[in-house]
Amino acid sequence: MLAQTHPQKRLYLAARYGGEEFAVILPNTDIVAAQAVAEGIRSRVKALAIPHIKSVVSDCVTLSMGVATISEGQNSPKMLIEAADKALYGAKSGGRDRVAISD
């Protein structure tokens, strides 16, 4: 688990959520800023060029990410997780190594 303070004094939390899945919690962050954070994470991991010998998709480790936010009418953690998961699978089916935003 990694907690980091953003330059605007926001606490971001990254934690393992499943086998190969992680969650990054960005309190008080709109969808545009959340997408920018996700793209930054994705591009930094790609730049590391970590070999992924057993992959049939890429020679190096890549990230597919789903981004979702809670709105006033949608404040259930379960709904947030479902929206992020749906976006994640959209990123994977869209070609991987990308960020997808929930509807």
Protein backbone atom coordinates (compact mmCIF):
# COMPACT_ATOMS: atom_id res chain seq x y z
CA MET A 1 0.00 0.00 0.00
CA LEU A 2 1.30 3.43 -0.94
CA ALA A 3 -0.04 6.79 0.16
CA GLN A 4 1.16 9.93 -1.54
CA THR A 5 0.36 13.57 -1.08
CA HIS A 6 -0.47 15.39 -4.29
CA PRO A 7 0.92 18.92 -4.75
CA GLN A 8 -2.57 20.21 -3.90
CA LYS A 9 -2.36 18.44 -0.50
CA ARG A 10 -4.63 15.56 -1.47
CA LEU A 11 -3.90 12.13 -0.06
CA TYR A 12 -3.90 9.45 -2.76
CA LEU A 13 -3.94 5.79 -1.77
CA ALA A 14 -2.79 2.86 -3.91
CA ALA A 15 -3.53 -0.68 -2.75
CA ARG A 16 -3.64 -4.19 -4.16
CA TYR A 17 -7.25 -5.13 -4.85
CA GLY A 18 -6.90 -8.60 -6.34
CA GLY A 19 -4.36 -10.89 -7.96
CA GLU A 20 -3.15 -8.48 -10.63
CA GLU A 21 -5.52 -5.63 -9.85
CA PHE A 22 -4.85 -2.49 -7.87
CA ALA A 23 -7.02 0.42 -6.80
CA VAL A 24 -5.93 4.02 -6.58
CA ILE A 25 -8.22 6.11 -4.41
CA LEU A 26 -8.21 9.82 -5.28
CA PRO A 27 -10.46 11.70 -2.82
CA ASN A 28 -12.06 14.94 -4.05
CA THR A 29 -10.78 14.41 -7.59
CA ASP A 30 -12.89 14.96 -10.70
CA ILE A 31 -12.86 12.61 -13.69
CA VAL A 32 -10.47 14.80 -15.73
CA ALA A 33 -7.85 14.88 -12.96
CA ALA A 34 -8.36 11.16 -12.24
CA GLN A 35 -7.77 10.34 -15.90
CA ALA A 36 -4.58 12.46 -15.87
CA VAL A 37 -3.29 10.60 -12.78
CA ALA A 38 -4.08 7.24 -14.42
CA GLU A 39 -2.34 8.24 -17.67
CA GLY A 40 0.69 9.36 -15.67
CA ILE A 41 0.90 6.04 -13.85
CA ARG A 42 0.43 4.10 -17.09
CA SER A 43 3.09 6.02 -19.00
CA ARG A 44 5.62 5.83 -16.14
CA VAL A 45 5.27 2.05 -15.88
CA LYS A 46 5.60 1.72 -19.66
CA ALA A 47 8.76 3.88 -19.62
CA LEU A 48 10.35 1.45 -17.16
CA ALA A 49 10.32 -1.19 -19.93
CA ILE A 50 10.04 -4.06 -17.43
CA PRO A 51 10.42 -7.32 -19.40
CA HIS A 52 7.28 -9.50 -19.49
CA ILE A 53 8.63 -12.72 -20.93
CA LYS A 54 5.45 -14.82 -20.59
CA SER A 55 3.07 -12.25 -22.08
CA VAL A 56 1.37 -12.86 -25.41
CA VAL A 57 0.36 -9.18 -25.51
CA SER A 58 3.62 -7.25 -25.05
CA ASP A 59 7.32 -7.81 -24.42
CA CYS A 60 7.13 -5.38 -21.49
CA VAL A 61 4.73 -4.86 -18.58
CA THR A 62 1.84 -2.55 -19.48
CA LEU A 63 -1.18 -1.29 -17.58
CA SER A 64 -4.84 -1.26 -18.51
CA MET A 65 -6.80 1.06 -16.25
CA GLY A 66 -10.44 1.84 -15.58
CA VAL A 67 -11.35 5.21 -14.08
CA ALA A 68 -14.59 6.02 -12.29
CA THR A 69 -15.82 8.72 -9.93
CA ILE A 70 -18.60 9.05 -7.41
CA SER A 71 -21.22 11.64 -8.22
CA GLU A 72 -23.89 13.06 -5.95
CA GLY A 73 -26.51 10.65 -7.26
CA GLN A 74 -24.13 7.70 -7.27
CA ASN A 75 -22.38 7.50 -3.93
CA SER A 76 -22.30 3.78 -3.26
CA PRO A 77 -18.84 2.17 -3.00
CA LYS A 78 -20.27 -0.90 -4.74
CA MET A 79 -21.43 1.22 -7.68
CA LEU A 80 -18.02 2.91 -7.88
CA ILE A 81 -16.19 -0.43 -7.96
CA GLU A 82 -18.57 -1.79 -10.60
CA ALA A 83 -18.09 1.31 -12.78
CA ALA A 84 -14.29 1.15 -12.47
CA ASP A 85 -14.31 -2.59 -13.22
CA LYS A 86 -16.47 -2.06 -16.31
CA ALA A 87 -14.08 0.65 -17.53
CA LEU A 88 -11.09 -1.63 -16.82
CA TYR A 89 -12.52 -4.39 -18.99
CA GLY A 90 -13.26 -1.79 -21.66
CA ALA A 91 -9.58 -0.83 -21.61
CA LYS A 92 -8.54 -4.47 -21.89
CA SER A 93 -10.92 -5.23 -24.75
CA GLY A 94 -9.91 -1.98 -26.48
CA GLY A 95 -6.36 -3.18 -26.95
CA ARG A 96 -4.75 -2.97 -23.49
CA ASP A 97 -2.09 -0.52 -22.34
CA ARG A 98 -4.70 2.23 -22.08
CA VAL A 99 -6.94 4.14 -19.70
CA ALA A 100 -10.72 3.93 -20.08
CA ILE A 101 -13.28 6.14 -18.38
CA SER A 102 -16.57 4.81 -17.02
CA ASP A 103 -19.84 5.92 -18.63
